[in-house]
Protein backbone atom coordinates (compact mmCIF):
# COMPACT_ATOMS: atom_id res chain seq x y z
CA MET A 1 80.49 88.59 101.84
CA ASP A 2 79.61 86.99 98.52
CA TYR A 3 81.96 86.01 95.69
CA ALA A 4 81.79 89.36 93.88
CA THR A 5 82.52 91.31 97.07
CA PHE A 6 85.50 89.15 97.94
CA ARG A 7 86.81 89.38 94.39
CA ARG A 8 86.73 93.18 94.63
CA SER A 9 88.61 93.07 97.95
CA TRP A 10 91.15 90.70 96.40
CA ASP A 11 91.70 92.90 93.33
CA GLU A 12 92.09 96.04 95.45
CA ALA A 13 94.58 94.36 97.79
CA LEU A 14 96.58 93.01 94.85
CA LYS A 15 96.69 96.49 93.35
CA ARG A 16 97.81 98.01 96.67
CA SER A 17 100.60 95.45 96.96
CA GLY A 18 102.43 96.72 93.88
CA LEU A 19 103.18 93.15 92.82
CA VAL A 20 101.45 93.67 89.48
CA ARG A 21 102.96 96.28 87.16
CA GLU A 22 101.94 94.72 83.89
CA LYS A 23 99.06 92.72 82.51
CA VAL A 24 98.76 89.36 84.23
CA PHE A 25 96.98 86.16 83.35
CA VAL A 26 93.70 85.78 85.26
CA GLU A 27 91.32 82.87 84.78
CA GLU A 28 87.90 82.35 86.33
CA ARG A 29 85.93 79.17 85.81
CA LEU A 30 82.57 77.87 86.93
CA GLY A 31 82.26 74.15 87.58
CA LEU A 32 78.99 73.11 85.97
CA THR A 33 78.72 69.99 88.12
CA SER A 34 79.88 71.32 91.48
CA MET A 35 78.94 74.99 90.86
CA ASP A 36 82.28 75.97 92.41
CA ARG A 37 83.96 79.16 91.22
CA LEU A 38 87.66 78.71 90.46
CA TYR A 39 90.05 81.67 90.34
CA GLN A 40 93.69 81.75 89.24
CA VAL A 41 96.22 84.52 88.64
CA VAL A 42 99.84 84.19 87.48
CA ILE A 43 102.16 87.03 88.55
CA PRO A 44 105.61 87.37 86.93
CA TYR A 45 108.52 88.25 89.21
CA ARG A 46 109.96 91.76 88.82
CA PHE A 47 113.72 91.54 88.42
CA GLY A 48 116.03 94.38 89.31
CA ASN A 49 117.94 96.15 86.58
CA ASN A 50 121.16 94.23 87.29
CA SER A 51 119.59 90.88 88.19
CA PRO A 52 120.39 87.88 85.96
CA ARG A 53 117.34 86.29 84.35
CA LEU A 54 118.47 82.69 84.08
CA PHE A 55 115.03 81.53 85.26
CA TYR A 56 111.55 82.73 84.40
CA ILE A 57 109.97 83.21 87.82
CA THR A 58 106.26 83.44 88.52
CA ALA A 59 103.87 83.17 91.44
CA GLU A 60 100.57 81.39 90.83
CA LEU A 61 97.72 82.09 93.25
CA SER A 62 94.43 80.23 93.14
CA TRP A 63 91.35 79.69 95.26
CA ARG A 64 88.04 77.88 95.02
CA TRP A 65 84.79 79.52 96.11
CA ASP A 66 82.69 76.41 96.61
CA ALA A 67 78.94 76.03 96.39
CA LEU A 68 78.67 75.83 100.19
CA LEU A 69 80.13 79.32 100.56
CA SER A 70 77.76 80.63 97.89
CA ALA A 71 74.79 79.09 99.71
CA ARG A 72 75.96 80.42 103.06
CA PHE A 73 76.30 83.98 101.81
CA ALA A 74 73.04 83.88 99.89
CA THR A 75 71.29 84.61 103.19
CA THR A 76 72.17 85.84 106.67
CA GLU A 77 73.95 83.71 109.24
CA ASP A 78 70.88 83.78 111.48
CA ASP A 79 68.58 82.45 108.75
CA LEU A 80 71.11 79.79 107.83
CA LEU A 81 71.36 78.56 111.43
CA THR A 82 67.58 78.53 111.71
CA GLU A 83 67.27 76.55 108.49
CA LEU A 84 69.85 73.99 109.58
CA LEU A 85 69.30 73.75 113.34
CA GLY A 86 65.82 75.15 113.99
CA ARG A 87 64.73 78.23 115.89
CA LYS A 88 66.57 77.27 119.09
CA HIS A 89 69.96 77.42 117.45
CA PRO A 90 73.25 78.69 118.92
CA LYS A 91 73.75 82.42 118.70
CA SER A 92 77.12 82.08 117.06
CA SER A 93 78.94 79.97 114.49
CA GLU A 94 82.42 79.32 113.19
CA LEU A 95 83.94 81.81 110.79
CA PRO A 96 83.96 80.62 107.18
CA PHE A 97 87.33 80.58 105.46
CA LEU A 98 88.80 80.44 101.99
CA ARG A 99 91.93 78.47 101.12
CA VAL A 100 94.41 80.37 98.94
CA ASP A 101 97.04 78.18 97.27
CA VAL A 102 100.36 79.73 96.29
CA GLU A 103 102.93 78.17 93.97
CA LEU A 104 106.33 79.70 93.26
CA HIS A 105 107.67 78.58 89.89
CA ALA A 106 111.03 78.94 88.17
CA SER A 107 111.44 77.56 84.67
CA VAL A 108 114.51 77.39 82.47
CA PRO A 109 114.32 79.26 79.14
CA ARG A 110 113.79 77.03 76.13
CA ASP A 111 117.32 77.67 74.89
CA GLY A 112 118.85 76.91 78.29
CA PHE A 113 120.53 73.61 79.12
CA PHE A 114 121.20 73.18 82.81
CA PRO A 115 122.51 69.74 83.82
CA PHE A 116 120.98 68.38 87.01
CA PRO A 117 123.48 69.11 89.82
CA GLY A 118 123.00 65.72 91.46
CA SER A 119 120.94 64.34 94.33
CA ALA A 120 123.29 65.52 97.08
CA ALA A 121 123.36 69.11 95.77
CA TRP A 122 119.59 69.04 95.31
CA ARG A 123 119.03 67.78 98.85
CA ASP A 124 121.17 70.57 100.29
CA TRP A 125 119.50 73.21 98.13
CA ALA A 126 115.98 72.00 98.94
CA ALA A 127 116.74 72.34 102.65
CA GLU A 128 118.19 75.80 102.14
CA VAL A 129 115.35 77.19 100.03
CA THR A 130 112.82 75.84 102.49
CA SER A 131 114.57 77.62 105.36
CA LEU A 132 114.69 80.88 103.36
CA VAL A 133 111.04 80.91 102.29
CA ALA A 134 109.54 79.31 105.41
CA PRO A 135 109.59 82.52 107.52
CA HIS A 136 107.21 84.09 105.01
CA PHE A 137 104.76 81.17 105.14
CA PRO A 138 105.07 79.90 108.71
CA MET A 139 102.87 77.24 110.20
CA VAL A 140 100.35 79.40 112.08
CA ALA A 141 97.29 78.42 114.07
CA ASP A 142 95.52 80.94 116.28
CA ASP A 143 92.26 79.79 117.85
CA ARG A 144 91.39 83.00 119.65
CA PRO A 145 87.75 83.64 118.67
CA LYS A 146 88.08 87.42 118.62
CA HIS A 147 91.29 87.32 116.60
CA PRO A 148 90.65 84.91 113.73
CA ALA A 149 94.25 84.67 112.53
CA VAL A 150 95.00 82.79 109.37
CA SER A 151 96.78 79.47 109.06
CA SER A 152 99.57 79.19 106.52
CA TRP A 153 101.86 76.40 105.41
CA LEU A 154 104.79 75.54 103.16
CA GLU A 155 105.42 72.31 101.30
CA GLU A 156 108.67 70.78 100.03
CA PRO A 157 110.22 72.00 96.76
CA GLU A 158 109.78 69.93 93.63
CA ILE A 159 111.96 69.64 90.54
CA GLN A 160 111.13 69.02 86.89
CA LEU A 161 113.73 67.18 84.83
CA ASN A 162 114.23 66.04 81.25
CA CYS A 163 116.28 62.99 80.33
CA SER A 164 118.24 63.19 77.07
CA PRO A 165 118.61 60.16 74.76
CA GLY A 166 122.11 59.79 76.18
CA GLY A 167 120.84 59.54 79.75
CA GLN A 168 121.82 63.07 80.85
CA LEU A 169 119.35 64.76 83.22
CA TYR A 170 118.61 68.42 82.49
CA LEU A 171 116.84 70.86 84.77
CA LEU A 172 113.54 72.19 83.41
CA GLY A 173 112.27 74.01 86.46
CA VAL A 174 111.60 74.00 90.17
CA SER A 175 108.50 74.86 92.18
CA LEU A 176 107.47 75.43 95.76
CA ALA A 177 103.90 75.27 97.05
CA ALA A 178 102.49 77.19 100.00
CA GLY A 179 99.09 78.38 101.15
CA GLN A 180 97.03 80.42 103.55
CA LEU A 181 93.51 80.42 104.96
CA ILE A 182 91.58 83.69 104.72
CA CYS A 183 88.80 84.14 107.26
CA LEU A 184 85.62 85.62 105.79
CA PRO A 185 83.09 87.82 107.63
CA ARG A 186 79.70 86.34 108.39
CA GLN A 187 76.49 88.13 107.34
CA TRP A 188 74.58 88.74 110.54
CA ASP A 189 71.01 90.01 110.61
CA ASP A 190 72.00 93.00 112.72
CA PRO A 191 70.99 96.45 111.40
CA GLU A 192 72.96 98.17 114.19
CA GLN A 193 76.05 96.10 113.32
CA ARG A 194 76.73 95.11 116.90
CA ARG A 195 77.86 91.76 115.56
CA ARG A 196 80.37 92.39 112.83
CA ASP A 197 83.36 90.37 111.74
CA PRO A 198 86.51 92.03 110.36
CA GLU A 199 86.82 92.34 106.61
CA PRO A 200 89.57 90.26 104.96
CA ASP A 201 91.52 93.30 103.71
CA ASP A 202 94.26 93.13 106.37
CA GLN A 203 94.72 89.41 105.79
CA LEU A 204 95.03 89.93 102.04
CA ASP A 205 97.50 92.80 102.48
CA GLU A 206 99.60 90.57 104.73
CA LEU A 207 99.43 87.69 102.26
CA PHE A 208 100.68 89.78 99.35
CA GLU A 209 103.37 91.42 101.49
CA ARG A 210 104.70 88.02 102.57
CA LEU A 211 104.42 86.76 99.00
CA GLU A 212 106.65 89.58 97.78
CA MET A 213 109.29 88.77 100.39
CA GLY A 214 108.94 85.06 99.63
CA LEU A 215 109.53 85.73 95.93
CA ASP A 216 112.70 87.68 96.72
CA ALA A 217 113.95 84.80 98.87
CA TRP A 218 113.00 82.34 96.13
CA GLN A 219 114.91 84.29 93.49
CA GLY A 220 117.99 84.50 95.72
CA ALA A 221 117.90 80.77 96.40
CA LEU A 222 117.81 80.02 92.67
CA ASP A 223 121.24 81.64 92.34
CA GLU A 224 122.50 79.09 94.86
CA LEU A 225 121.06 76.27 92.74
CA LEU A 226 122.99 77.51 89.72
CA THR A 227 126.14 77.70 91.85
CA ALA A 228 125.63 74.11 92.90
CA ARG A 229 125.19 73.16 89.25
CA ARG A 230 128.45 74.83 88.28
CA GLU A 231 130.33 73.29 91.20
CA GLY A 232 128.83 69.88 90.44
């Protein structure tokens, strides 16, 4: 599976997910020094008809197709093992994988002024939002060779603040980073396809499904942050 093939699988899975109903920002870059291919897409959150829009919510997904992956998929797995280890090489190898980084963002509109609720309220909210979103990006590690499950993770929320000339802290936005590893199929020199790894489609469908649920949990938690601000 080369870069173009994976990109097609990614686009098709994103379309199937229904997350994108309008034009989104997509950026692809090629690192001239490293020859890595960098991909990024920013997906705006779809609010319900009666949902307040006190934050602008987006999900940013990005991944890096490095030069090693490009070199590996430029030939078959058998030829690569022969080139690296000689003719008496092992008959198998580890599955390659691609790291997908996910960042949930929520920014305050330019005309909004939300005072920082305080460290105690922030600490409680950070713990709550982590518990709400964590089920959709659990720490997973499955080493079964015939079932190359993905690993996923969730980091701690971060806050962006602005300090006024009078010393008042105002909330600019909050973010939460997560990620997932996508296993990629190897290219075996096997015309009868007796050795064939699963395509990444199911993993991508699962990623986007969990992302949608994570965004809903993220949006709900933001309401709690505003409540804490009002009570503070």
